[in-house]
Amino acid sequence: MSSANSVYLDYNATAPARPEAKAAIAHALDVGGNPSSVHAAGRAARALVEQARAEVAALIAAPASTVIFTSGGTEANALALESAVAAGAKRLLISAVEHDSVHETAHALARTAGVAVEEIPVDRSGRLDLAWLAERLGRWDAADGKPFVAAMLANNETGVIQPVREAAELVRAADGWLHVDAVQAAGKIEVDSRGLGADTLAVSAHKIGGPQGVGALTFGPRATLTRRQHGGGQERGRRGGTENVPGISGFGAAAKLAREEVEAGKVEEKQAWRDAAAEALKAAGAVVMGEAAPRLPQTLCVAAPGFPSDLQVMALDLTGVMVSAGAACSSGKVKQSPVLAAMDQGDLAACGLRVSGGWATTEADWNRFVEAWFEAHRRHEARRAPVAAGVA
């Protein structure tokens, strides 16, 4: 989506569709057929679905038989939480920096199913407080059923990578269920769903250059999935309805390329561009969120004191540079970041800016962003100066 006149650095919201994904979608449309049909066209469609399932499974190092296709990461997260409650969980421990799809589903279940919800705190770098989690699991009440813990692998706003393996050890010791939202991590770092100790793990196509409206959930032997949609035996009986064959095919194509890029170190190679941009903005007084923690190599979250997020986004957009203020899944709203607030960032929580690159990003894109941000910051400071002088 970058061009001679614009720069797109909002891959954590959605990545531009890869040419190979577009070709796979077009091919699936040409194949036609319902994958549940037994005739030739149906078998051809089924083959496309299973080929894509294998590619998505390889992306997250999971058995293909455990991959359930959904309408996106949001549905995959909801399926995991609802399944845990159906299996007897009565208290959900949700990290304070989870995506809204996890937070809101948990609180919806509190209203409809009567479960309790607790937040796992994070430190100022945005990392899980493992000591808190260990203490809380250590005094678990059996009346609350088996523990359920939701901990994302990488945060969508800051890119901070969570200590999921360490959390998994605590959850396993308490005979609990660990759900991992890996939507932002997949295709940017290595994701090994079984190695992480995840009982369920969610991913999404459009974050890696596939189409929007397709996701997947993988589940391990300790998780029991419930049926979320009725009306057919599709997806091994766990999600009724004819599969979105074109979308799933595009997902598979993107998953294959994303996995190959991670394995070849191509994503990590671009980290230097992100880091150079961060150093430039820090020189102007901006603060890098989660700087002390391991982060996704293509994600930068910065906050400039006194420079509200919405003004930054609008000023940059006017110059053709597209970034976002935190998560982009809130109906286009720009507001104080709950993630930065959970990180105890005070007034900076209203000044956060997320810049995220991806498969088609160039060094020139990051340089263009830096230039545009400095000009926007200069103009903002110039407007503030007379106001400050008047107050003085």
Protein backbone atom coordinates (compact mmCIF):
# COMPACT_ATOMS: atom_id res chain seq x y z
CA MET A 1 0.00 0.00 0.00
CA SER A 2 3.06 2.24 0.03
CA SER A 3 3.60 4.23 -3.17
CA ALA A 4 5.53 7.19 -4.49
CA ASN A 5 3.17 9.49 -2.61
CA SER A 6 2.38 7.47 0.49
CA VAL A 7 3.93 5.18 3.07
CA TYR A 8 2.02 2.38 4.79
CA LEU A 9 3.40 1.44 8.22
CA ASP A 10 0.35 -0.09 9.87
CA TYR A 11 0.95 -3.79 9.29
CA ASN A 12 -0.16 -4.65 12.82
CA ALA A 13 -3.60 -3.41 11.80
CA THR A 14 -3.57 -5.29 8.51
CA ALA A 15 -0.83 -6.24 6.09
CA PRO A 16 -1.17 -5.62 2.36
CA ALA A 17 -2.24 -8.79 0.58
CA ARG A 18 0.68 -10.68 -0.93
CA PRO A 19 0.51 -11.34 -4.69
CA GLU A 20 0.75 -15.06 -4.00
CA ALA A 21 -2.24 -14.88 -1.66
CA LYS A 22 -4.25 -13.02 -4.28
CA ALA A 23 -3.36 -15.67 -6.84
CA ALA A 24 -4.39 -18.45 -4.48
CA ILE A 25 -7.73 -16.75 -3.85
CA ALA A 26 -8.36 -16.35 -7.58
CA HIS A 27 -7.45 -19.97 -8.21
CA ALA A 28 -9.85 -21.16 -5.49
CA LEU A 29 -12.64 -19.11 -7.03
CA ASP A 30 -11.95 -20.77 -10.38
CA VAL A 31 -11.97 -24.23 -8.80
CA GLY A 32 -15.38 -23.66 -7.24
CA GLY A 33 -17.09 -26.57 -5.56
CA ASN A 34 -18.19 -27.16 -2.00
CA PRO A 35 -15.47 -28.94 -0.01
CA SER A 36 -18.13 -31.13 1.60
CA SER A 37 -19.25 -32.49 -1.79
CA VAL A 38 -17.94 -35.87 -2.89
CA HIS A 39 -17.77 -35.14 -6.62
CA ALA A 40 -14.68 -33.92 -8.47
CA ALA A 41 -15.24 -30.19 -7.88
CA GLY A 42 -15.87 -30.82 -4.20
CA ARG A 43 -12.75 -32.94 -3.87
CA ALA A 44 -10.69 -30.23 -5.56
CA ALA A 45 -12.01 -27.64 -3.12
CA ARG A 46 -11.33 -29.97 -0.18
CA ALA A 47 -7.75 -30.42 -1.38
CA LEU A 48 -7.23 -26.65 -1.33
CA VAL A 49 -8.56 -26.39 2.22
CA GLU A 50 -6.34 -29.21 3.48
CA GLN A 51 -3.29 -27.84 1.70
CA ALA A 52 -3.85 -24.49 3.41
CA ARG A 53 -4.44 -26.22 6.75
CA ALA A 54 -1.05 -27.89 6.43
CA GLU A 55 0.66 -24.56 5.68
CA VAL A 56 -0.99 -22.79 8.63
CA ALA A 57 -0.08 -25.71 10.87
CA ALA A 58 3.56 -25.47 9.73
CA LEU A 59 3.60 -21.74 10.51
CA ILE A 60 2.80 -22.45 14.17
CA ALA A 61 4.39 -25.92 14.46
CA ALA A 62 1.11 -27.67 15.17
CA PRO A 63 -0.42 -30.90 13.85
CA ALA A 64 -2.67 -30.09 10.90
CA SER A 65 -5.43 -32.18 12.47
CA THR A 66 -5.67 -29.64 15.30
CA VAL A 67 -6.13 -26.52 13.13
CA ILE A 68 -9.69 -25.19 13.01
CA PHE A 69 -10.41 -22.40 10.53
CA THR A 70 -12.47 -19.44 11.78
CA SER A 71 -13.54 -16.02 10.52
CA GLY A 72 -10.49 -14.39 12.11
CA GLY A 73 -8.40 -14.00 15.25
CA THR A 74 -11.32 -12.56 17.19
CA GLU A 75 -13.47 -15.65 16.65
CA ALA A 76 -10.52 -17.94 17.36
CA ASN A 77 -9.95 -16.22 20.71
CA ALA A 78 -13.66 -16.38 21.53
CA LEU A 79 -13.80 -20.08 20.67
CA ALA A 80 -10.97 -20.77 23.11
CA LEU A 81 -12.51 -18.82 25.99
CA GLU A 82 -16.01 -20.17 25.43
CA SER A 83 -14.66 -23.72 25.22
CA ALA A 84 -12.81 -23.33 28.51
CA VAL A 85 -15.96 -22.11 30.24
CA ALA A 86 -17.98 -24.93 28.70
CA ALA A 87 -15.35 -27.35 30.06
CA GLY A 88 -15.89 -26.05 33.58
CA ALA A 89 -13.67 -22.99 34.06
CA LYS A 90 -15.37 -20.57 36.45
CA ARG A 91 -12.58 -18.00 36.82
CA LEU A 92 -10.55 -16.52 33.97
CA LEU A 93 -7.13 -14.93 34.44
CA ILE A 94 -6.55 -12.49 31.59
CA SER A 95 -3.39 -10.45 31.14
CA ALA A 96 -3.92 -6.71 31.44
CA VAL A 97 -2.58 -6.11 27.93
CA GLU A 98 -4.68 -8.64 26.01
CA HIS A 99 -6.46 -7.69 22.80
CA ASP A 100 -10.04 -6.45 23.17
CA SER A 101 -11.32 -9.67 21.61
CA VAL A 102 -10.05 -11.52 24.70
CA HIS A 103 -11.01 -8.90 27.27
CA GLU A 104 -14.50 -8.33 25.93
CA THR A 105 -15.24 -12.03 25.45
CA ALA A 106 -14.14 -12.71 29.03
CA HIS A 107 -16.39 -9.99 30.41
CA ALA A 108 -19.27 -11.11 28.20
CA LEU A 109 -18.89 -14.59 29.69
CA ALA A 110 -18.93 -13.00 33.13
CA ARG A 111 -22.36 -11.56 32.32
CA THR A 112 -23.81 -14.58 30.54
CA ALA A 113 -22.16 -17.52 32.28
CA GLY A 114 -21.40 -16.01 35.67
CA VAL A 115 -17.65 -16.58 35.51
CA ALA A 116 -15.23 -14.34 37.40
CA VAL A 117 -12.51 -12.41 35.57
CA GLU A 118 -9.20 -11.26 37.01
CA GLU A 119 -6.43 -9.28 35.32
CA ILE A 120 -2.82 -10.40 35.45
CA PRO A 121 -0.73 -7.25 35.94
CA VAL A 122 2.27 -6.31 33.81
CA ASP A 123 5.39 -4.31 34.60
CA ARG A 124 6.30 -0.95 33.04
CA SER A 125 7.82 -2.77 30.08
CA GLY A 126 4.51 -4.51 29.47
CA ARG A 127 5.67 -7.99 30.51
CA LEU A 128 3.57 -10.38 32.57
CA ASP A 129 4.09 -10.36 36.33
CA LEU A 130 4.99 -14.03 36.68
CA ALA A 131 5.39 -13.75 40.45
CA TRP A 132 1.78 -12.54 40.70
CA LEU A 133 0.62 -15.40 38.48
CA ALA A 134 2.52 -18.00 40.50
CA GLU A 135 1.08 -16.69 43.75
CA ARG A 136 -2.46 -16.57 42.37
CA LEU A 137 -2.31 -20.09 40.98
CA GLY A 138 -0.78 -21.28 44.23
CA ARG A 139 -3.96 -20.41 46.14
CA TRP A 140 -6.42 -21.55 43.48
CA ASP A 141 -9.84 -22.62 44.76
CA ALA A 142 -10.92 -25.94 43.28
CA ALA A 143 -14.49 -24.60 43.29
CA ASP A 144 -13.43 -22.32 40.40
CA GLY A 145 -12.70 -25.33 38.19
CA LYS A 146 -9.35 -25.70 36.49
CA PRO A 147 -7.40 -22.45 36.05
CA PHE A 148 -7.70 -20.66 32.72
CA VAL A 149 -5.01 -18.17 31.72
CA ALA A 150 -4.91 -15.99 28.58
CA ALA A 151 -1.50 -14.55 27.70
CA MET A 152 -0.78 -13.15 24.24
CA LEU A 153 2.56 -14.03 22.67
CA ALA A 154 3.28 -10.49 21.40
CA ASN A 155 1.38 -7.31 22.09
CA ASN A 156 -0.37 -5.68 19.16
CA GLU A 157 0.50 -2.13 20.26
CA THR A 158 4.00 -2.32 21.71
CA GLY A 159 5.29 -5.50 20.09
CA VAL A 160 6.46 -6.68 23.52
CA ILE A 161 6.96 -10.46 23.58
CA GLN A 162 5.56 -12.18 26.64
CA PRO A 163 7.27 -14.93 28.69
CA VAL A 164 4.71 -17.47 27.54
CA ARG A 165 6.86 -20.56 28.10
CA GLU A 166 7.44 -19.55 31.72
CA ALA A 167 3.73 -18.84 32.19
CA ALA A 168 2.92 -22.22 30.65
CA GLU A 169 5.06 -24.00 33.24
CA LEU A 170 3.06 -22.33 36.01
CA VAL A 171 -0.26 -23.13 34.36
CA ARG A 172 0.68 -26.76 33.72
CA ALA A 173 1.79 -27.19 37.34
CA ALA A 174 -1.71 -26.01 38.37
CA ASP A 175 -3.35 -28.36 35.81
CA GLY A 176 -4.77 -25.35 33.98
CA TRP A 177 -5.52 -24.24 30.42
CA LEU A 178 -3.27 -21.68 28.70
CA HIS A 179 -4.63 -19.77 25.74
CA VAL A 180 -2.17 -17.83 23.59
CA ASP A 181 -3.20 -15.09 21.16
CA ALA A 182 -0.40 -15.33 18.59
CA VAL A 183 -2.13 -13.15 16.00
CA GLN A 184 0.61 -10.50 16.01
CA ALA A 185 3.52 -12.86 16.55
CA ALA A 186 2.95 -15.35 13.75
CA GLY A 187 5.03 -14.56 10.70
CA LYS A 188 7.24 -12.12 12.64
CA ILE A 189 8.99 -14.47 15.06
CA GLU A 190 9.15 -18.24 15.33
CA VAL A 191 5.94 -19.63 16.81
CA ASP A 192 5.96 -23.18 18.17
CA SER A 193 2.52 -23.75 19.66
CA ARG A 194 3.51 -26.99 21.38
CA GLY A 195 6.92 -25.75 22.46
CA LEU A 196 5.28 -22.73 24.05
CA GLY A 197 3.02 -24.98 26.10
CA ALA A 198 -0.16 -23.50 24.64
CA ASP A 199 -3.36 -25.50 25.03
CA THR A 200 -5.03 -23.27 22.45
CA LEU A 201 -3.43 -20.71 20.14
CA ALA A 202 -5.02 -18.22 17.73
CA VAL A 203 -3.70 -16.78 14.45
CA SER A 204 -5.09 -14.58 11.68
CA ALA A 205 -4.51 -14.36 7.92
CA HIS A 206 -4.57 -10.62 7.33
CA LYS A 207 -1.69 -9.89 9.70
CA ILE A 208 0.71 -11.84 7.47
CA GLY A 209 -0.43 -10.74 4.02
CA GLY A 210 -3.43 -13.02 3.63
CA PRO A 211 -7.06 -11.94 3.24
CA GLN A 212 -9.19 -10.39 5.96
CA GLY A 213 -11.92 -12.50 7.51
CA VAL A 214 -9.94 -15.73 8.00
CA GLY A 215 -8.22 -17.06 11.10
CA ALA A 216 -7.48 -20.31 12.87
CA LEU A 217 -7.30 -21.91 16.29
CA THR A 218 -5.07 -24.84 17.15
CA PHE A 219 -5.72 -26.96 20.22
CA GLY A 220 -3.66 -29.43 22.21
CA PRO A 221 -4.66 -32.69 23.88
CA ARG A 222 -5.53 -30.99 27.19
CA ALA A 223 -8.11 -28.66 25.59
CA THR A 224 -11.69 -29.63 24.82
CA LEU A 225 -13.26 -27.43 22.17
CA THR A 226 -16.97 -26.77 22.10
CA ARG A 227 -19.01 -26.22 18.96
CA ARG A 228 -19.47 -22.49 18.42
CA GLN A 229 -21.50 -22.63 15.20
CA HIS A 230 -24.11 -25.25 14.42
CA GLY A 231 -25.56 -26.41 11.14
CA GLY A 232 -22.99 -28.83 9.75
CA GLY A 233 -20.04 -31.05 10.53
CA GLN A 234 -17.41 -28.80 8.99
CA GLU A 235 -14.06 -28.22 10.68
CA ARG A 236 -14.21 -31.58 12.42
CA GLY A 237 -17.61 -30.77 13.84
CA ARG A 238 -16.44 -27.68 15.70
CA ARG A 239 -17.59 -24.93 13.32
CA GLY A 240 -20.62 -25.47 11.14
CA GLY A 241 -20.93 -23.76 7.76
CA THR A 242 -19.32 -24.11 4.36
CA GLU A 243 -15.65 -23.23 4.55
CA ASN A 244 -14.41 -19.99 3.01
CA VAL A 245 -12.28 -21.79 0.45
CA PRO A 246 -10.84 -18.70 -1.31
CA GLY A 247 -9.99 -17.02 1.98
CA ILE A 248 -8.49 -20.18 3.45
CA SER A 249 -6.42 -20.71 0.30
CA GLY A 250 -5.07 -17.17 0.55
CA PHE A 251 -4.28 -17.79 4.22
CA GLY A 252 -2.31 -20.89 3.33
CA ALA A 253 -0.27 -19.10 0.68
CA ALA A 254 0.55 -16.24 3.05
CA ALA A 255 1.42 -18.66 5.87
CA LYS A 256 3.92 -20.50 3.69
CA LEU A 257 5.70 -17.30 2.70
CA ALA A 258 5.64 -15.86 6.22
CA ARG A 259 7.17 -19.04 7.65
CA GLU A 260 9.90 -19.07 5.03
CA GLU A 261 10.74 -15.41 5.73
CA VAL A 262 11.06 -16.03 9.47
CA GLU A 263 13.19 -19.13 8.93
CA ALA A 264 15.47 -17.21 6.55
CA GLY A 265 15.86 -14.30 8.99
CA LYS A 266 14.32 -11.83 6.55
CA VAL A 267 12.01 -10.29 9.16
CA GLU A 268 14.78 -9.84 11.71
CA GLU A 269 17.00 -8.23 9.08
CA LYS A 270 14.60 -5.27 8.95
CA GLN A 271 14.86 -4.58 12.69
CA ALA A 272 17.75 -2.18 12.12
CA TRP A 273 15.41 0.15 10.22
CA ARG A 274 12.97 0.18 13.14
CA ASP A 275 15.77 0.74 15.63
CA ALA A 276 17.22 3.65 13.65
CA ALA A 277 13.81 5.32 13.61
CA ALA A 278 13.47 4.79 17.35
CA GLU A 279 16.82 6.42 18.08
CA ALA A 280 15.93 9.41 15.93
CA LEU A 281 12.64 10.00 17.73
CA LYS A 282 14.22 9.50 21.13
CA ALA A 283 16.58 12.37 20.32
CA ALA A 284 13.50 14.59 20.07
CA GLY A 285 12.23 13.49 23.49
CA ALA A 286 9.99 10.58 22.48
CA VAL A 287 9.85 7.52 24.72
CA VAL A 288 9.97 4.01 23.29
CA MET A 289 7.37 1.83 24.96
CA GLY A 290 8.67 -1.54 26.12
CA GLU A 291 12.21 -0.70 25.04
CA ALA A 292 13.76 -2.83 27.78
CA ALA A 293 11.77 -5.91 26.79
CA PRO A 294 12.13 -8.27 23.82
CA ARG A 295 9.90 -6.98 21.02
CA LEU A 296 8.72 -7.89 17.56
CA PRO A 297 11.41 -6.75 15.11
CA GLN A 298 9.09 -4.61 12.98
CA THR A 299 6.98 -2.89 15.65
CA LEU A 300 7.70 0.50 17.22
CA CYS A 301 5.51 2.15 19.84
CA VAL A 302 6.60 5.62 20.88
CA ALA A 303 5.07 8.38 22.96
CA ALA A 304 6.04 12.05 22.77
CA PRO A 305 5.07 14.00 25.91
CA GLY A 306 2.37 16.54 25.15
CA PHE A 307 1.77 15.28 21.61
CA PRO A 308 -1.58 13.42 21.66
CA SER A 309 -1.93 10.26 19.60
CA ASP A 310 -4.80 11.51 17.48
CA LEU A 311 -2.92 14.65 16.44
CA GLN A 312 0.11 12.58 15.45
CA VAL A 313 -1.95 10.17 13.37
CA MET A 314 -3.78 12.97 11.57
CA ALA A 315 -0.67 15.06 10.96
CA LEU A 316 1.18 12.09 9.49
CA ASP A 317 -1.79 11.02 7.40
CA LEU A 318 -1.88 14.47 5.80
CA THR A 319 1.69 13.87 4.60
CA GLY A 320 0.83 10.43 3.21
CA VAL A 321 2.28 8.41 6.10
CA MET A 322 -0.15 5.86 7.52
CA VAL A 323 0.36 4.67 11.10
CA SER A 324 -1.98 4.19 14.05
CA ALA A 325 -2.59 5.07 17.66
CA GLY A 326 -2.52 1.64 19.29
CA ALA A 327 -4.99 -1.03 18.25
CA ALA A 328 -6.98 -0.50 15.05
CA CYS A 329 -9.90 -2.76 15.98
CA SER A 330 -12.04 -0.20 17.80
CA SER A 331 -14.23 1.10 14.98
CA GLY A 332 -11.76 3.78 13.96
CA LYS A 333 -11.73 5.38 17.39
CA VAL A 334 -8.60 7.05 18.73
CA LYS A 335 -8.44 7.08 22.51
CA GLN A 336 -6.04 6.59 25.41
CA SER A 337 -4.31 3.25 25.11
CA PRO A 338 -5.41 0.77 27.82
CA VAL A 339 -2.21 -1.17 27.11
CA LEU A 340 0.00 1.82 27.94
CA ALA A 341 -2.20 2.59 30.94
CA ALA A 342 -1.72 -0.98 32.19
CA MET A 343 2.03 -0.37 31.81
CA ASP A 344 1.65 2.58 34.22
CA GLN A 345 2.76 5.12 31.62
CA GLY A 346 0.63 7.94 33.03
CA ASP A 347 -0.02 10.83 30.64
CA LEU A 348 2.03 9.11 27.95
CA ALA A 349 -0.82 6.61 27.53
CA ALA A 350 -2.66 9.29 25.54
CA CYS A 351 0.38 9.99 23.35
CA GLY A 352 1.25 6.54 22.03
CA LEU A 353 1.93 6.00 18.33
CA ARG A 354 2.30 2.57 16.75
CA VAL A 355 4.45 2.15 13.66
CA SER A 356 4.63 -1.33 12.16
CA GLY A 357 6.27 -2.64 9.02
CA GLY A 358 6.05 -5.95 7.23
CA TRP A 359 6.78 -8.03 4.18
CA ALA A 360 6.82 -5.16 1.65
CA THR A 361 8.28 -2.43 3.87
CA THR A 362 11.51 -0.74 2.79
CA GLU A 363 14.14 1.27 4.63
CA ALA A 364 12.93 4.30 2.67
CA ASP A 365 9.48 3.88 4.24
CA TRP A 366 10.94 4.15 7.74
CA ASN A 367 13.07 7.14 6.73
CA ARG A 368 10.01 8.87 5.26
CA PHE A 369 8.13 8.27 8.52
CA VAL A 370 10.94 9.82 10.58
CA GLU A 371 11.06 12.91 8.38
CA ALA A 372 7.29 13.36 8.49
CA TRP A 373 7.15 12.82 12.26
CA PHE A 374 9.86 15.41 12.94
CA GLU A 375 8.01 17.98 10.84
CA ALA A 376 4.70 17.19 12.60
CA HIS A 377 6.40 17.40 15.99
CA ARG A 378 8.07 20.71 15.10
CA ARG A 379 4.75 22.24 14.08
CA HIS A 380 3.04 20.94 17.20
CA GLU A 381 5.71 22.36 19.46
CA ALA A 382 5.51 25.70 17.64
CA ARG A 383 1.77 25.85 18.30
CA ARG A 384 2.27 24.95 21.95
CA ALA A 385 4.93 27.59 22.58
CA PRO A 386 2.60 30.65 22.54
CA VAL A 387 0.16 28.83 24.81
CA ALA A 388 2.90 27.95 27.26
CA ALA A 389 4.18 31.53 27.18
CA GLY A 390 0.71 32.84 27.92
CA VAL A 391 0.32 30.53 30.89
CA ALA A 392 3.73 31.58 32.22
